[in-house]
Amino acid sequence: MTTKEKRMYANIEKWRSLPKSERRSVLRTLNVKQVASSMAMEGEPVSDLWLQKNAR
């Protein structure tokens, strides 16, 4: 097993060991960032207030 693979498996185990609520919070934050990036690429305005409201 390569070092890269070992790190990958360690990261998976670390993710699985997180409480469900924390995993949900991380995923929600990532989704909001992805939507904001997509909107920005389309030239649509994204307000800071919208980001803060939807990152929770």
PDB file of N, CA and C in Angstrom:
ATOM      1  N   MET A   1       0.845  -1.172   0.000  1.00  0.00           N
ATOM      2  CA  MET A   1       0.000   0.000   0.000  1.00  0.00           C
ATOM      3  C   MET A   1       0.897   1.246   0.000  1.00  0.00           C
ATOM      4  N   THR A   2       0.574   2.180  -0.865  1.00  0.00           N
ATOM      5  CA  THR A   2       1.379   3.395  -0.968  1.00  0.00           C
ATOM      6  C   THR A   2       1.037   4.368   0.160  1.00  0.00           C
ATOM      7  N   THR A   3       1.898   5.347   0.310  1.00  0.00           N
ATOM      8  CA  THR A   3       1.666   6.381   1.326  1.00  0.00           C
ATOM      9  C   THR A   3       0.380   7.138   1.043  1.00  0.00           C
ATOM     10  N   LYS A   4       0.126   7.414  -0.223  1.00  0.00           N
ATOM     11  CA  LYS A   4      -1.089   8.127  -0.616  1.00  0.00           C
ATOM     12  C   LYS A   4      -2.332   7.326  -0.219  1.00  0.00           C
ATOM     13  N   GLU A   5      -2.295   6.028  -0.463  1.00  0.00           N
ATOM     14  CA  GLU A   5      -3.425   5.167  -0.102  1.00  0.00           C
ATOM     15  C   GLU A   5      -3.619   5.117   1.411  1.00  0.00           C
ATOM     16  N   LYS A   6      -2.523   5.074   2.155  1.00  0.00           N
ATOM     17  CA  LYS A   6      -2.612   5.055   3.614  1.00  0.00           C
ATOM     18  C   LYS A   6      -3.273   6.325   4.133  1.00  0.00           C
ATOM     19  N   ARG A   7      -2.879   7.476   3.543  1.00  0.00           N
ATOM     20  CA  ARG A   7      -3.489   8.750   3.946  1.00  0.00           C
ATOM     21  C   ARG A   7      -4.972   8.763   3.619  1.00  0.00           C
ATOM     22  N   MET A   8      -5.318   8.237   2.445  1.00  0.00           N
ATOM     23  CA  MET A   8      -6.710   8.193   2.030  1.00  0.00           C
ATOM     24  C   MET A   8      -7.542   7.371   3.022  1.00  0.00           C
ATOM     25  N   TYR A   9      -7.064   6.190   3.385  1.00  0.00           N
ATOM     26  CA  TYR A   9      -7.784   5.344   4.326  1.00  0.00           C
ATOM     27  C   TYR A   9      -7.845   5.975   5.719  1.00  0.00           C
ATOM     28  N   ALA A  10      -6.793   6.658   6.110  1.00  0.00           N
ATOM     29  CA  ALA A  10      -6.796   7.347   7.399  1.00  0.00           C
ATOM     30  C   ALA A  10      -7.842   8.457   7.401  1.00  0.00           C
ATOM     31  N   ASN A  11      -7.947   9.191   6.288  1.00  0.00           N
ATOM     32  CA  ASN A  11      -8.948  10.252   6.187  1.00  0.00           C
ATOM     33  C   ASN A  11     -10.373   9.701   6.220  1.00  0.00           C
ATOM     34  N   ILE A  12     -10.568   8.550   5.579  1.00  0.00           N
ATOM     35  CA  ILE A  12     -11.891   7.910   5.609  1.00  0.00           C
ATOM     36  C   ILE A  12     -12.249   7.516   7.033  1.00  0.00           C
ATOM     37  N   GLU A  13     -11.320   6.926   7.746  1.00  0.00           N
ATOM     38  CA  GLU A  13     -11.573   6.528   9.132  1.00  0.00           C
ATOM     39  C   GLU A  13     -11.841   7.751  10.018  1.00  0.00           C
ATOM     40  N   LYS A  14     -11.088   8.811   9.773  1.00  0.00           N
ATOM     41  CA  LYS A  14     -11.284  10.046  10.540  1.00  0.00           C
ATOM     42  C   LYS A  14     -12.689  10.590  10.295  1.00  0.00           C
ATOM     43  N   TRP A  15     -13.127  10.585   9.028  1.00  0.00           N
ATOM     44  CA  TRP A  15     -14.461  11.065   8.677  1.00  0.00           C
ATOM     45  C   TRP A  15     -15.530  10.205   9.360  1.00  0.00           C
ATOM     46  N   ARG A  16     -15.362   8.912   9.309  1.00  0.00           N
ATOM     47  CA  ARG A  16     -16.345   7.999   9.903  1.00  0.00           C
ATOM     48  C   ARG A  16     -16.407   8.127  11.418  1.00  0.00           C
ATOM     49  N   SER A  17     -15.329   8.567  12.033  1.00  0.00           N
ATOM     50  CA  SER A  17     -15.311   8.687  13.496  1.00  0.00           C
ATOM     51  C   SER A  17     -15.977   9.974  13.986  1.00  0.00           C
ATOM     52  N   LEU A  18     -16.229  10.920  13.070  1.00  0.00           N
ATOM     53  CA  LEU A  18     -16.886  12.168  13.463  1.00  0.00           C
ATOM     54  C   LEU A  18     -18.339  11.903  13.836  1.00  0.00           C
ATOM     55  N   PRO A  19     -18.864  12.679  14.779  1.00  0.00           N
ATOM     56  CA  PRO A  19     -20.296  12.559  15.092  1.00  0.00           C
ATOM     57  C   PRO A  19     -21.136  12.921  13.868  1.00  0.00           C
ATOM     58  N   LYS A  20     -22.297  12.312  13.772  1.00  0.00           N
ATOM     59  CA  LYS A  20     -23.171  12.532  12.623  1.00  0.00           C
ATOM     60  C   LYS A  20     -23.493  14.014  12.429  1.00  0.00           C
ATOM     61  N   SER A  21     -23.702  14.728  13.511  1.00  0.00           N
ATOM     62  CA  SER A  21     -24.039  16.152  13.412  1.00  0.00           C
ATOM     63  C   SER A  21     -22.892  16.958  12.808  1.00  0.00           C
ATOM     64  N   GLU A  22     -21.670  16.596  13.148  1.00  0.00           N
ATOM     65  CA  GLU A  22     -20.513  17.308  12.600  1.00  0.00           C
ATOM     66  C   GLU A  22     -20.329  16.999  11.114  1.00  0.00           C
ATOM     67  N   ARG A  23     -20.546  15.747  10.731  1.00  0.00           N
ATOM     68  CA  ARG A  23     -20.458  15.390   9.308  1.00  0.00           C
ATOM     69  C   ARG A  23     -21.505  16.156   8.508  1.00  0.00           C
ATOM     70  N   ARG A  24     -22.707  16.249   9.058  1.00  0.00           N
ATOM     71  CA  ARG A  24     -23.785  16.976   8.389  1.00  0.00           C
ATOM     72  C   ARG A  24     -23.418  18.445   8.208  1.00  0.00           C
ATOM     73  N   SER A  25     -22.828  19.039   9.226  1.00  0.00           N
ATOM     74  CA  SER A  25     -22.425  20.437   9.169  1.00  0.00           C
ATOM     75  C   SER A  25     -21.353  20.666   8.097  1.00  0.00           C
ATOM     76  N   VAL A  26     -20.386  19.781   8.029  1.00  0.00           N
ATOM     77  CA  VAL A  26     -19.321  19.893   7.028  1.00  0.00           C
ATOM     78  C   VAL A  26     -19.901  19.780   5.624  1.00  0.00           C
ATOM     79  N   LEU A  27     -20.782  18.806   5.412  1.00  0.00           N
ATOM     80  CA  LEU A  27     -21.381  18.613   4.088  1.00  0.00           C
ATOM     81  C   LEU A  27     -22.226  19.813   3.679  1.00  0.00           C
ATOM     82  N   ARG A  28     -22.972  20.361   4.630  1.00  0.00           N
ATOM     83  CA  ARG A  28     -23.809  21.526   4.323  1.00  0.00           C
ATOM     84  C   ARG A  28     -22.938  22.710   3.919  1.00  0.00           C
ATOM     85  N   THR A  29     -21.863  22.939   4.630  1.00  0.00           N
ATOM     86  CA  THR A  29     -20.954  24.046   4.301  1.00  0.00           C
ATOM     87  C   THR A  29     -20.372  23.866   2.905  1.00  0.00           C
ATOM     88  N   LEU A  30     -19.969  22.645   2.582  1.00  0.00           N
ATOM     89  CA  LEU A  30     -19.420  22.380   1.254  1.00  0.00           C
ATOM     90  C   LEU A  30     -20.457  22.598   0.161  1.00  0.00           C
ATOM     91  N   ASN A  31     -21.702  22.200   0.421  1.00  0.00           N
ATOM     92  CA  ASN A  31     -22.760  22.391  -0.568  1.00  0.00           C
ATOM     93  C   ASN A  31     -23.012  23.864  -0.827  1.00  0.00           C
ATOM     94  N   VAL A  32     -23.046  24.668   0.224  1.00  0.00           N
ATOM     95  CA  VAL A  32     -23.273  26.104   0.063  1.00  0.00           C
ATOM     96  C   VAL A  32     -22.141  26.725  -0.745  1.00  0.00           C
ATOM     97  N   LYS A  33     -20.909  26.330  -0.459  1.00  0.00           N
ATOM     98  CA  LYS A  33     -19.769  26.866  -1.212  1.00  0.00           C
ATOM     99  C   LYS A  33     -19.859  26.470  -2.684  1.00  0.00           C
ATOM    100  N   GLN A  34     -20.294  25.253  -2.953  1.00  0.00           N
ATOM    101  CA  GLN A  34     -20.414  24.792  -4.327  1.00  0.00           C
ATOM    102  C   GLN A  34     -21.493  25.581  -5.072  1.00  0.00           C
ATOM    103  N   VAL A  35     -22.620  25.831  -4.428  1.00  0.00           N
ATOM    104  CA  VAL A  35     -23.692  26.610  -5.047  1.00  0.00           C
ATOM    105  C   VAL A  35     -23.222  28.038  -5.309  1.00  0.00           C
ATOM    106  N   ALA A  36     -22.544  28.629  -4.333  1.00  0.00           N
ATOM    107  CA  ALA A  36     -22.047  29.996  -4.505  1.00  0.00           C
ATOM    108  C   ALA A  36     -21.047  30.078  -5.661  1.00  0.00           C
ATOM    109  N   SER A  37     -20.185  29.098  -5.779  1.00  0.00           N
ATOM    110  CA  SER A  37     -19.219  29.078  -6.881  1.00  0.00           C
ATOM    111  C   SER A  37     -19.927  28.952  -8.220  1.00  0.00           C
ATOM    112  N   SER A  38     -20.922  28.101  -8.264  1.00  0.00           N
ATOM    113  CA  SER A  38     -21.682  27.916  -9.496  1.00  0.00           C
ATOM    114  C   SER A  38     -22.407  29.197  -9.889  1.00  0.00           C
ATOM    115  N   MET A  39     -23.004  29.860  -8.903  1.00  0.00           N
ATOM    116  CA  MET A  39     -23.703  31.114  -9.177  1.00  0.00           C
ATOM    117  C   MET A  39     -22.721  32.172  -9.669  1.00  0.00           C
ATOM    118  N   ALA A  40     -21.561  32.235  -9.070  1.00  0.00           N
ATOM    119  CA  ALA A  40     -20.554  33.220  -9.462  1.00  0.00           C
ATOM    120  C   ALA A  40     -20.092  32.964 -10.898  1.00  0.00           C
ATOM    121  N   MET A  41     -19.944  31.698 -11.264  1.00  0.00           N
ATOM    122  CA  MET A  41     -19.516  31.372 -12.624  1.00  0.00           C
ATOM    123  C   MET A  41     -20.569  31.775 -13.650  1.00  0.00           C
ATOM    124  N   GLU A  42     -21.836  31.748 -13.249  1.00  0.00           N
ATOM    125  CA  GLU A  42     -22.923  32.138 -14.142  1.00  0.00           C
ATOM    126  C   GLU A  42     -23.143  33.650 -14.154  1.00  0.00           C
ATOM    127  N   GLY A  43     -22.355  34.355 -13.353  1.00  0.00           N
ATOM    128  CA  GLY A  43     -22.482  35.811 -13.296  1.00  0.00           C
ATOM    129  C   GLY A  43     -23.621  36.291 -12.425  1.00  0.00           C
ATOM    130  N   GLU A  44     -24.178  35.403 -11.603  1.00  0.00           N
ATOM    131  CA  GLU A  44     -25.260  35.775 -10.696  1.00  0.00           C
ATOM    132  C   GLU A  44     -24.667  36.279  -9.383  1.00  0.00           C
ATOM    133  N   PRO A  45     -25.229  37.342  -8.844  1.00  0.00           N
ATOM    134  CA  PRO A  45     -24.698  37.865  -7.586  1.00  0.00           C
ATOM    135  C   PRO A  45     -24.993  36.926  -6.412  1.00  0.00           C
ATOM    136  N   VAL A  46     -24.048  36.833  -5.523  1.00  0.00           N
ATOM    137  CA  VAL A  46     -24.206  36.031  -4.306  1.00  0.00           C
ATOM    138  C   VAL A  46     -23.863  36.937  -3.138  1.00  0.00           C
ATOM    139  N   SER A  47     -24.845  37.176  -2.281  1.00  0.00           N
ATOM    140  CA  SER A  47     -24.597  38.082  -1.165  1.00  0.00           C
ATOM    141  C   SER A  47     -23.973  37.338   0.009  1.00  0.00           C
ATOM    142  N   ASP A  48     -23.217  38.057   0.803  1.00  0.00           N
ATOM    143  CA  ASP A  48     -22.632  37.484   2.019  1.00  0.00           C
ATOM    144  C   ASP A  48     -23.720  37.035   2.980  1.00  0.00           C
ATOM    145  N   LEU A  49     -24.800  37.779   3.047  1.00  0.00           N
ATOM    146  CA  LEU A  49     -25.918  37.429   3.930  1.00  0.00           C
ATOM    147  C   LEU A  49     -26.512  36.074   3.522  1.00  0.00           C
ATOM    148  N   TRP A  50     -26.682  35.861   2.229  1.00  0.00           N
ATOM    149  CA  TRP A  50     -27.218  34.595   1.750  1.00  0.00           C
ATOM    150  C   TRP A  50     -26.288  33.452   2.135  1.00  0.00           C
ATOM    151  N   LEU A  51     -24.993  33.659   1.943  1.00  0.00           N
ATOM    152  CA  LEU A  51     -24.018  32.621   2.285  1.00  0.00           C
ATOM    153  C   LEU A  51     -24.062  32.283   3.770  1.00  0.00           C
ATOM    154  N   GLN A  52     -24.096  33.307   4.610  1.00  0.00           N
ATOM    155  CA  GLN A  52     -24.126  33.088   6.058  1.00  0.00           C
ATOM    156  C   GLN A  52     -25.397  32.383   6.473  1.00  0.00           C
ATOM    157  N   LYS A  53     -26.519  32.780   5.905  1.00  0.00           N
ATOM    158  CA  LYS A  53     -27.814  32.194   6.264  1.00  0.00           C
ATOM    159  C   LYS A  53     -27.881  30.730   5.855  1.00  0.00           C
ATOM    160  N   ASN A  54     -27.365  30.401   4.698  1.00  0.00           N
ATOM    161  CA  ASN A  54     -27.490  29.047   4.166  1.00  0.00           C
ATOM    162  C   ASN A  54     -26.364  28.119   4.550  1.00  0.00           C
ATOM    163  N   ALA A  55     -25.337  28.622   5.203  1.00  0.00           N
ATOM    164  CA  ALA A  55     -24.229  27.777   5.638  1.00  0.00           C
ATOM    165  C   ALA A  55     -24.523  27.079   6.951  1.00  0.00           C
ATOM    166  N   ARG A  56     -25.629  27.370   7.555  1.00  0.00           N
ATOM    167  CA  ARG A  56     -25.965  26.760   8.844  1.00  0.00           C
ATOM    168  C   ARG A  56     -26.692  25.471   8.676  1.00  0.00           C
TER     169      ARG A  56
END
